[in-house]
Amino acid sequence: MGLALLAQSGLPSKFWDDAFTSACFLINLTPSKPLQFISPFEKLFRAKPDYHLLRVFGYLSYPYTRPYNKHKLEFHSAASTFLSYNPSHKGYKALLPNGKSSFLEMSLSMNTHSLLCLLISLLINQSLIHQLETFYYLCLLLSLLLIQFQLFLSRQIILHYKIILISMITSLHLHLPSPHSPHTTSPVPSDTSSVSSQTPIQSTPSSVPAPATPSYPMITLAKAGIFRPKIYLNTTYSKSSIVVSLVLPKSATAALLIFVWKQAMEAEFLALLKNKIWTLTTLPPRKNLVGCTWIFKLKKHADGSVACRKAKLVAHGFSQQPGFDYTETFNLVVKPTTIRLILSIAVSSNWGITHLDVNNTFLHGDLQEEIYMHQPKVSSKVALIWFVAIYGIKQASRAWCLTVQGVLFFPRILSIQGSHFALLPGSR
């Protein structure tokens, strides 16, 4: 594995110790078949290894070097080469631009596709092409690199590097002589006088004409036949009114100026009046007054279209005082095991399952305390005394739960022990 890391990164052999150190580190984190597919690290420390700390050997990295700077004007990061992992703590070993290797902290970001340009520049600067017998070996080497990196690079980046590769090989083909091309020598005439009397021979250029560089047009979504679906608006409304109706109002005053939100507020207010949940009275002395506000919500379908607009008049539960406005707030909740129990009983007994959605759920819960709330935009001396729960108060869910229990828990209905919301017919 160490030799494979050296070959993959293209680093010199003097970094063999870092390559084999990284290989040992990776082997200790790899699940092993003799250990029942558990890594040696997990077998030793009894903890799952953190694979987010892994980096690719030899990649261009940018470590955070501020703790190691000598003065304030030095850069906080520099282009370095990742070498190995720190054996003593969570950290990395990187080759800094000054040629020295140093152990650094955990903060280290990698640049994956910049390794291709780095290797191309190294091959050209070190004149490795002149040491090879032919420049076609360079084409093979860079092609293998492109095949290796195409797994995590986009098609545009791969196409960009292919164009660089073809243009570089073309320029090398023009400037470097081919080692296998035979040197042709022109025959020496035996008679100089005959040469001068004949027509002078035109010398043909020995250079081969440059092959045409293939052009790669830019591939766009439109050329590929991919278009964004057009959204056709309803022509009965103007575009400005549609945009305004999709924006959540910030206050009740702003909502009253929009027709659709005004309808939602009127529907909510009519539901409150229909249930007769309050009465208008004066605020008694030493009674706490709870504030209220309007909450607006936009519900959408799965495709993003608007399903309905909700407007709720909610109380300021944070302004309630314990002991005056509420005592207990504990409420029973449905457990996932209760739902699974009901489904299993229904399947085994071949029962049909129906569900019920209660509109304005909390408004059906009876309150045991007296709660005085502000009437919207009315003097503070006039208040609404609530007889049922309202959204926002601390005991709203408890009041609804007690009301449901009072309706359902009559003598012929039994609750299963451990699941208060799983009810079965029976006799006490």
Protein backbone atom coordinates (compact mmCIF):
# COMPACT_ATOMS: atom_id res chain seq x y z
CA MET A 1 0.00 0.00 0.00
CA GLY A 2 2.88 2.37 0.70
CA LEU A 3 4.28 1.89 -2.81
CA ALA A 4 0.80 2.47 -4.22
CA LEU A 5 0.55 5.78 -2.35
CA LEU A 6 3.92 6.88 -3.71
CA ALA A 7 2.95 5.91 -7.24
CA GLN A 8 -0.44 7.58 -7.02
CA SER A 9 0.90 10.86 -5.61
CA GLY A 10 4.01 11.08 -7.79
CA LEU A 11 6.19 12.13 -4.83
CA PRO A 12 9.89 11.21 -4.72
CA SER A 13 11.00 8.05 -2.94
CA LYS A 14 12.50 10.05 -0.05
CA PHE A 15 8.97 10.34 1.36
CA TRP A 16 8.66 6.56 1.71
CA ASP A 17 8.41 6.76 5.50
CA ASP A 18 5.40 9.09 5.33
CA ALA A 19 3.74 6.87 2.73
CA PHE A 20 4.11 3.74 4.84
CA THR A 21 3.03 5.62 7.98
CA SER A 22 -0.16 6.66 6.21
CA ALA A 23 -0.61 3.09 4.95
CA CYS A 24 -0.37 1.68 8.49
CA PHE A 25 -2.82 4.30 9.71
CA LEU A 26 -5.33 3.36 7.00
CA ILE A 27 -4.92 -0.37 7.64
CA ASN A 28 -5.74 0.13 11.32
CA LEU A 29 -8.99 1.88 10.34
CA THR A 30 -10.01 -0.70 7.72
CA PRO A 31 -12.43 -3.51 8.71
CA SER A 32 -10.65 -6.86 8.79
CA LYS A 33 -12.12 -10.25 7.93
CA PRO A 34 -10.29 -12.16 10.73
CA LEU A 35 -11.78 -9.66 13.22
CA GLN A 36 -15.36 -10.27 11.98
CA PHE A 37 -15.16 -7.14 9.79
CA ILE A 38 -14.17 -4.89 12.69
CA SER A 39 -11.24 -2.54 12.35
CA PRO A 40 -8.19 -2.99 14.63
CA PHE A 41 -8.81 0.52 15.96
CA GLU A 42 -12.33 -0.40 17.08
CA LYS A 43 -11.12 -3.70 18.53
CA LEU A 44 -8.48 -1.94 20.61
CA PHE A 45 -10.26 1.23 21.73
CA ARG A 46 -13.88 -0.08 21.60
CA ALA A 47 -15.00 2.97 19.64
CA LYS A 48 -15.90 3.65 16.04
CA PRO A 49 -13.13 5.36 14.04
CA ASP A 50 -13.77 8.82 12.65
CA TYR A 51 -13.42 8.56 8.88
CA HIS A 52 -14.01 12.29 8.39
CA LEU A 53 -10.38 12.92 9.33
CA LEU A 54 -8.99 10.97 6.37
CA ARG A 55 -7.11 12.83 3.64
CA VAL A 56 -5.56 11.74 0.34
CA PHE A 57 -1.79 11.24 0.37
CA GLY A 58 0.15 13.75 -1.72
CA TYR A 59 -2.73 16.14 -2.36
CA LEU A 60 -2.41 19.88 -2.38
CA SER A 61 -3.61 21.15 1.01
CA TYR A 62 -3.98 24.45 2.81
CA PRO A 63 -3.21 24.01 6.52
CA TYR A 64 -3.89 26.63 9.15
CA THR A 65 -0.40 27.89 10.03
CA ARG A 66 -1.19 30.93 12.17
CA PRO A 67 -0.05 29.31 15.47
CA TYR A 68 3.33 28.63 13.84
CA ASN A 69 3.89 32.11 12.38
CA LYS A 70 6.74 34.23 13.69
CA HIS A 71 5.13 37.62 13.07
CA LYS A 72 1.69 39.02 12.26
CA LEU A 73 2.34 39.73 8.59
CA GLU A 74 2.78 36.08 7.66
CA PHE A 75 -0.07 34.38 5.86
CA HIS A 76 -2.44 32.21 7.89
CA SER A 77 -2.33 29.44 5.28
CA ALA A 78 0.00 28.24 2.55
CA ALA A 79 -0.13 25.70 -0.25
CA SER A 80 1.38 22.49 1.12
CA THR A 81 1.45 18.78 0.35
CA PHE A 82 -0.27 16.33 2.67
CA LEU A 83 2.12 13.59 3.86
CA SER A 84 0.79 11.63 6.85
CA TYR A 85 -1.11 11.71 10.13
CA ASN A 86 0.13 12.75 13.54
CA PRO A 87 0.64 9.61 15.68
CA SER A 88 0.28 11.42 19.02
CA HIS A 89 -2.91 13.47 18.52
CA LYS A 90 -5.46 14.39 15.88
CA GLY A 91 -3.47 16.29 13.32
CA TYR A 92 -1.63 16.07 10.03
CA LYS A 93 1.89 16.23 8.68
CA ALA A 94 2.34 18.46 5.66
CA LEU A 95 5.23 19.51 3.44
CA LEU A 96 5.45 23.29 3.67
CA PRO A 97 6.55 25.53 0.77
CA ASN A 98 9.97 26.04 2.37
CA GLY A 99 10.70 22.33 1.91
CA LYS A 100 10.32 21.41 5.59
CA SER A 101 7.72 18.98 6.90
CA SER A 102 5.83 19.89 10.04
CA PHE A 103 2.99 18.48 12.16
CA LEU A 104 -0.03 20.77 12.06
CA GLU A 105 -3.43 21.04 13.69
CA MET A 106 -6.64 19.41 12.46
CA SER A 107 -7.78 22.35 10.36
CA LEU A 108 -6.57 21.40 6.89
CA SER A 109 -8.51 21.85 3.64
CA MET A 110 -7.76 19.89 0.48
CA ASN A 111 -7.85 20.88 -3.19
CA THR A 112 -8.45 17.74 -5.24
CA HIS A 113 -8.48 18.76 -8.88
CA SER A 114 -5.53 21.16 -8.57
CA LEU A 115 -3.21 18.12 -8.36
CA LEU A 116 -3.51 17.63 -12.10
CA CYS A 117 -2.16 21.09 -12.94
CA LEU A 118 0.53 20.65 -10.29
CA LEU A 119 1.76 17.39 -11.84
CA ILE A 120 1.69 18.84 -15.35
CA SER A 121 3.81 21.82 -14.28
CA LEU A 122 6.26 19.54 -12.44
CA LEU A 123 6.69 17.29 -15.47
CA ILE A 124 7.43 20.25 -17.73
CA ASN A 125 9.65 22.19 -15.31
CA GLN A 126 11.79 19.19 -14.41
CA SER A 127 12.28 18.39 -18.12
CA LEU A 128 11.17 14.81 -17.66
CA ILE A 129 9.98 14.81 -21.25
CA HIS A 130 13.55 15.03 -22.57
CA GLN A 131 14.56 12.13 -20.33
CA LEU A 132 11.82 9.91 -21.76
CA GLU A 133 12.24 8.23 -25.10
CA THR A 134 9.05 9.71 -26.52
CA PHE A 135 6.50 12.23 -25.40
CA TYR A 136 3.69 9.70 -25.85
CA TYR A 137 4.51 8.37 -22.39
CA LEU A 138 3.42 11.73 -21.00
CA CYS A 139 0.11 11.41 -22.81
CA LEU A 140 -0.43 7.98 -21.29
CA LEU A 141 0.50 9.21 -17.80
CA LEU A 142 -1.85 12.20 -17.82
CA SER A 143 -4.63 10.14 -19.39
CA LEU A 144 -4.39 7.69 -16.49
CA LEU A 145 -4.61 10.61 -14.07
CA LEU A 146 -7.74 11.89 -15.79
CA ILE A 147 -9.32 8.43 -15.59
CA GLN A 148 -8.50 8.27 -11.89
CA PHE A 149 -9.94 11.71 -11.05
CA GLN A 150 -13.08 11.45 -13.15
CA LEU A 151 -14.84 9.70 -10.25
CA PHE A 152 -15.16 12.90 -8.22
CA LEU A 153 -14.66 15.71 -10.74
CA SER A 154 -17.34 17.26 -12.91
CA ARG A 155 -17.45 16.77 -16.65
CA GLN A 156 -16.55 20.39 -17.31
CA ILE A 157 -13.32 20.12 -15.28
CA ILE A 158 -12.38 16.83 -16.98
CA LEU A 159 -13.02 18.43 -20.38
CA HIS A 160 -10.90 21.42 -19.39
CA TYR A 161 -7.93 19.22 -18.48
CA LYS A 162 -8.32 17.18 -21.67
CA ILE A 163 -8.04 20.37 -23.72
CA ILE A 164 -4.92 21.35 -21.76
CA LEU A 165 -3.46 17.89 -22.32
CA ILE A 166 -4.10 17.90 -26.08
CA SER A 167 -2.75 21.42 -26.56
CA MET A 168 0.39 20.63 -24.54
CA ILE A 169 1.08 17.43 -26.46
CA THR A 170 0.54 19.26 -29.75
CA SER A 171 3.03 21.96 -28.80
CA LEU A 172 5.54 19.35 -27.67
CA HIS A 173 5.12 17.50 -30.95
CA LEU A 174 5.99 20.67 -32.86
CA HIS A 175 9.08 21.57 -30.84
CA LEU A 176 10.57 18.18 -29.98
CA PRO A 177 12.13 16.02 -32.71
CA SER A 178 10.77 12.52 -33.01
CA PRO A 179 13.39 9.95 -31.93
CA HIS A 180 12.19 7.35 -34.46
CA SER A 181 12.12 9.58 -37.56
CA PRO A 182 14.97 8.58 -40.02
CA HIS A 183 17.34 11.31 -41.13
CA THR A 184 17.22 11.59 -44.93
CA THR A 185 20.38 12.75 -46.76
CA SER A 186 20.24 14.28 -50.19
CA PRO A 187 22.44 12.55 -52.81
CA VAL A 188 25.65 14.37 -53.73
CA PRO A 189 25.88 14.89 -57.49
CA SER A 190 29.01 13.57 -59.16
CA ASP A 191 29.31 16.32 -61.67
CA THR A 192 29.18 19.85 -60.43
CA SER A 193 28.77 21.30 -63.88
CA SER A 194 25.61 19.32 -64.50
CA VAL A 195 24.19 20.54 -61.25
CA SER A 196 24.67 24.15 -62.16
CA SER A 197 23.10 23.70 -65.58
CA GLN A 198 19.98 22.06 -64.26
CA THR A 199 17.05 23.75 -62.60
CA PRO A 200 17.74 24.34 -58.92
CA ILE A 201 15.96 21.83 -56.73
CA GLN A 202 13.50 23.37 -54.29
CA SER A 203 14.14 22.24 -50.75
CA THR A 204 11.08 20.77 -49.06
CA PRO A 205 10.56 21.58 -45.41
CA SER A 206 11.35 18.68 -43.14
CA SER A 207 8.87 19.70 -40.49
CA VAL A 208 5.56 17.85 -40.45
CA PRO A 209 2.47 20.10 -40.58
CA ALA A 210 0.82 20.51 -37.20
CA PRO A 211 -2.29 18.42 -36.68
CA ALA A 212 -5.46 20.40 -36.22
CA THR A 213 -6.37 20.85 -32.60
CA PRO A 214 -9.88 19.46 -32.07
CA SER A 215 -12.30 22.08 -30.88
CA TYR A 216 -14.53 21.29 -27.91
CA PRO A 217 -17.61 23.52 -27.93
CA MET A 218 -19.06 24.50 -24.60
CA ILE A 219 -21.92 22.21 -23.59
CA THR A 220 -24.82 24.13 -22.10
CA LEU A 221 -28.17 23.02 -20.74
CA ALA A 222 -29.96 24.46 -23.76
CA LYS A 223 -27.75 22.53 -26.22
CA ALA A 224 -28.39 19.35 -24.26
CA GLY A 225 -32.14 19.93 -24.47
CA ILE A 226 -32.59 20.68 -20.76
CA PHE A 227 -34.87 23.61 -20.05
CA ARG A 228 -36.40 24.97 -16.86
CA PRO A 229 -40.15 24.29 -16.80
CA LYS A 230 -42.21 27.36 -17.47
CA ILE A 231 -44.69 28.43 -14.79
CA TYR A 232 -47.85 29.91 -16.26
CA LEU A 233 -49.51 32.38 -13.93
CA ASN A 234 -53.24 32.86 -13.59
CA THR A 235 -54.18 35.74 -15.87
CA THR A 236 -57.09 36.81 -13.70
CA TYR A 237 -54.66 38.24 -11.15
CA SER A 238 -51.78 40.56 -11.69
CA LYS A 239 -48.24 39.38 -11.05
CA SER A 240 -47.81 41.81 -8.18
CA SER A 241 -50.90 40.52 -6.36
CA ILE A 242 -49.74 36.90 -6.71
CA VAL A 243 -46.30 37.70 -5.36
CA VAL A 244 -47.78 39.63 -2.43
CA SER A 245 -50.17 36.78 -1.59
CA LEU A 246 -47.26 34.33 -1.32
CA VAL A 247 -45.39 36.51 1.20
CA LEU A 248 -46.19 36.00 4.89
CA PRO A 249 -47.51 39.21 6.45
CA LYS A 250 -45.46 40.68 9.28
CA SER A 251 -48.45 42.05 11.20
CA ALA A 252 -52.23 42.00 11.27
CA THR A 253 -52.35 45.48 9.73
CA ALA A 254 -50.36 44.27 6.72
CA ALA A 255 -52.51 41.14 6.42
CA LEU A 256 -55.74 43.13 6.28
CA LEU A 257 -54.46 44.88 3.15
CA ILE A 258 -54.18 41.54 1.28
CA PHE A 259 -57.48 39.97 0.26
CA VAL A 260 -56.55 36.29 0.68
CA TRP A 261 -55.01 36.83 4.12
CA LYS A 262 -57.98 38.93 5.18
CA GLN A 263 -60.24 35.99 4.31
CA ALA A 264 -58.09 33.66 6.43
CA MET A 265 -58.31 36.04 9.41
CA GLU A 266 -62.08 36.33 9.04
CA ALA A 267 -62.45 32.53 8.92
CA GLU A 268 -60.41 32.18 12.12
CA PHE A 269 -62.34 34.92 13.88
CA LEU A 270 -65.70 33.39 12.86
CA ALA A 271 -64.56 30.03 14.27
CA LEU A 272 -63.76 31.73 17.58
CA LEU A 273 -67.15 33.45 17.70
CA LYS A 274 -68.99 30.26 16.76
CA ASN A 275 -67.52 28.31 19.67
CA LYS A 276 -68.32 31.15 22.15
CA ILE A 277 -64.98 30.80 23.80
CA TRP A 278 -64.71 34.22 25.43
CA THR A 279 -66.68 37.06 26.90
CA LEU A 280 -65.87 40.74 26.99
CA THR A 281 -65.30 42.08 30.50
CA THR A 282 -63.29 44.59 32.47
CA LEU A 283 -59.98 43.58 33.95
CA PRO A 284 -60.31 42.85 37.70
CA PRO A 285 -57.63 44.25 40.00
CA ARG A 286 -54.52 42.16 40.62
CA LYS A 287 -55.18 40.02 37.58
CA ASN A 288 -52.55 39.29 34.96
CA LEU A 289 -53.29 40.40 31.42
CA VAL A 290 -51.95 38.13 28.67
CA GLY A 291 -51.11 39.58 25.30
CA CYS A 292 -51.99 38.13 21.90
CA THR A 293 -50.84 38.27 18.30
CA TRP A 294 -51.72 36.92 14.87
CA ILE A 295 -49.59 34.16 13.36
CA PHE A 296 -49.70 33.51 9.61
CA LYS A 297 -48.64 30.31 7.90
CA LEU A 298 -48.64 29.18 4.28
CA LYS A 299 -49.23 25.45 3.73
CA LYS A 300 -48.12 23.91 0.43
CA HIS A 301 -48.62 20.67 -1.44
CA ALA A 302 -45.79 18.31 -2.32
CA ASP A 303 -45.39 19.98 -5.74
CA GLY A 304 -44.99 23.43 -4.16
CA SER A 305 -48.45 24.77 -4.95
CA VAL A 306 -50.38 26.59 -2.22
CA ALA A 307 -52.77 24.35 -0.28
CA CYS A 308 -54.24 26.89 2.14
CA ARG A 309 -53.43 29.96 4.19
CA LYS A 310 -53.73 29.77 7.96
CA ALA A 311 -54.22 32.67 10.34
CA LYS A 312 -54.15 31.92 14.08
CA LEU A 313 -54.86 34.20 17.02
CA VAL A 314 -52.41 33.00 19.67
CA ALA A 315 -51.74 34.15 23.21
CA HIS A 316 -48.42 35.26 24.62
CA GLY A 317 -47.70 32.28 26.84
CA PHE A 318 -44.46 33.85 28.03
CA SER A 319 -46.49 36.56 29.82
CA GLN A 320 -48.39 34.05 31.98
CA GLN A 321 -47.61 33.90 35.69
CA PRO A 322 -47.39 30.51 37.42
CA GLY A 323 -49.94 30.07 40.18
CA PHE A 324 -52.26 32.71 38.71
CA ASP A 325 -52.76 31.77 35.07
CA TYR A 326 -51.72 28.11 35.21
CA THR A 327 -50.69 25.41 37.67
CA GLU A 328 -49.80 22.18 35.85
CA THR A 329 -48.74 21.87 32.23
CA PHE A 330 -47.85 18.17 32.04
CA ASN A 331 -49.62 16.39 29.20
CA LEU A 332 -49.69 12.77 28.08
CA VAL A 333 -48.32 12.10 24.62
CA VAL A 334 -48.76 9.22 22.20
CA LYS A 335 -45.77 6.91 22.08
CA PRO A 336 -44.58 5.23 18.87
CA THR A 337 -45.13 1.86 20.56
CA THR A 338 -48.82 2.75 21.01
CA ILE A 339 -49.21 3.39 17.28
CA ARG A 340 -47.48 0.11 16.44
CA LEU A 341 -49.71 -1.68 18.98
CA ILE A 342 -52.90 -0.31 17.43
CA LEU A 343 -51.74 -1.23 13.93
CA SER A 344 -50.84 -4.78 14.98
CA ILE A 345 -54.21 -5.27 16.74
CA ALA A 346 -56.07 -3.93 13.70
CA VAL A 347 -54.19 -6.25 11.35
CA SER A 348 -54.67 -9.34 13.54
CA SER A 349 -58.39 -8.60 14.07
CA ASN A 350 -58.98 -7.54 10.44
CA TRP A 351 -60.30 -4.12 11.49
CA GLY A 352 -60.59 -1.05 9.37
CA ILE A 353 -58.56 2.03 10.37
CA THR A 354 -59.88 5.57 10.10
CA HIS A 355 -58.33 8.81 11.25
CA LEU A 356 -59.91 12.04 12.46
CA ASP A 357 -58.58 15.57 12.00
CA VAL A 358 -60.03 18.09 14.47
CA ASN A 359 -60.05 21.71 13.35
CA ASN A 360 -58.98 24.23 16.00
CA THR A 361 -58.10 21.41 18.36
CA PHE A 362 -57.15 23.42 21.43
CA LEU A 363 -60.33 25.48 21.26
CA HIS A 364 -62.28 22.38 22.36
CA GLY A 365 -60.36 22.07 25.64
CA ASP A 366 -62.04 23.51 28.75
CA LEU A 367 -59.93 25.71 31.02
CA GLN A 368 -59.98 25.42 34.80
CA GLU A 369 -58.20 28.73 35.37
CA GLU A 370 -59.31 32.26 34.56
CA ILE A 371 -57.20 33.79 31.82
CA TYR A 372 -57.64 37.41 30.79
CA MET A 373 -56.29 38.40 27.40
CA HIS A 374 -55.98 41.65 25.53
CA GLN A 375 -58.63 42.38 23.00
CA PRO A 376 -56.73 43.24 19.82
CA LYS A 377 -56.32 47.03 19.43
CA VAL A 378 -58.55 47.90 22.42
CA SER A 379 -57.80 49.76 25.63
CA SER A 380 -55.97 47.80 28.31
CA LYS A 381 -58.95 48.20 30.69
CA VAL A 382 -61.10 45.96 28.48
CA ALA A 383 -60.16 42.28 28.37
CA LEU A 384 -61.40 38.93 27.09
CA ILE A 385 -61.94 36.21 29.66
CA TRP A 386 -61.38 32.80 28.09
CA PHE A 387 -63.41 29.69 28.90
CA VAL A 388 -61.50 27.31 26.62
CA ALA A 389 -57.86 26.88 25.72
CA ILE A 390 -56.24 29.01 23.04
CA TYR A 391 -53.09 28.43 21.09
CA GLY A 392 -50.07 29.79 22.87
CA ILE A 393 -50.98 29.32 26.54
CA LYS A 394 -48.94 26.83 28.52
CA GLN A 395 -51.80 24.53 29.57
CA ALA A 396 -53.53 24.37 26.16
CA SER A 397 -52.49 20.80 25.30
CA ARG A 398 -53.26 19.59 28.83
CA ALA A 399 -56.77 21.08 28.72
CA TRP A 400 -57.48 19.38 25.39
CA CYS A 401 -56.17 16.04 26.69
CA LEU A 402 -58.36 16.19 29.81
CA THR A 403 -61.40 17.01 27.69
CA VAL A 404 -60.77 14.02 25.42
CA GLN A 405 -60.28 11.74 28.41
CA GLY A 406 -63.56 12.92 29.91
CA VAL A 407 -65.38 12.06 26.69
CA LEU A 408 -63.73 8.72 25.89
CA PHE A 409 -63.07 7.23 29.33
CA PHE A 410 -66.58 6.09 30.20
CA PRO A 411 -67.25 2.74 31.97
CA ARG A 412 -67.32 0.61 28.82
CA ILE A 413 -63.99 1.83 27.48
CA LEU A 414 -60.69 0.54 28.90
CA SER A 415 -57.18 1.88 28.36
CA ILE A 416 -54.30 -0.54 27.96
CA GLN A 417 -51.82 -0.41 30.81
CA GLY A 418 -48.73 1.52 29.75
CA SER A 419 -50.50 3.10 26.74
CA HIS A 420 -53.07 5.65 27.91
CA PHE A 421 -54.21 6.48 24.38
CA ALA A 422 -54.84 2.87 23.31
CA LEU A 423 -58.50 2.23 24.18
CA LEU A 424 -60.38 -1.07 23.95
CA PRO A 425 -64.08 -1.87 24.55
CA GLY A 426 -64.69 -3.72 27.79
CA SER A 427 -66.20 -3.40 31.26
CA ARG A 428 -64.61 -2.15 34.44
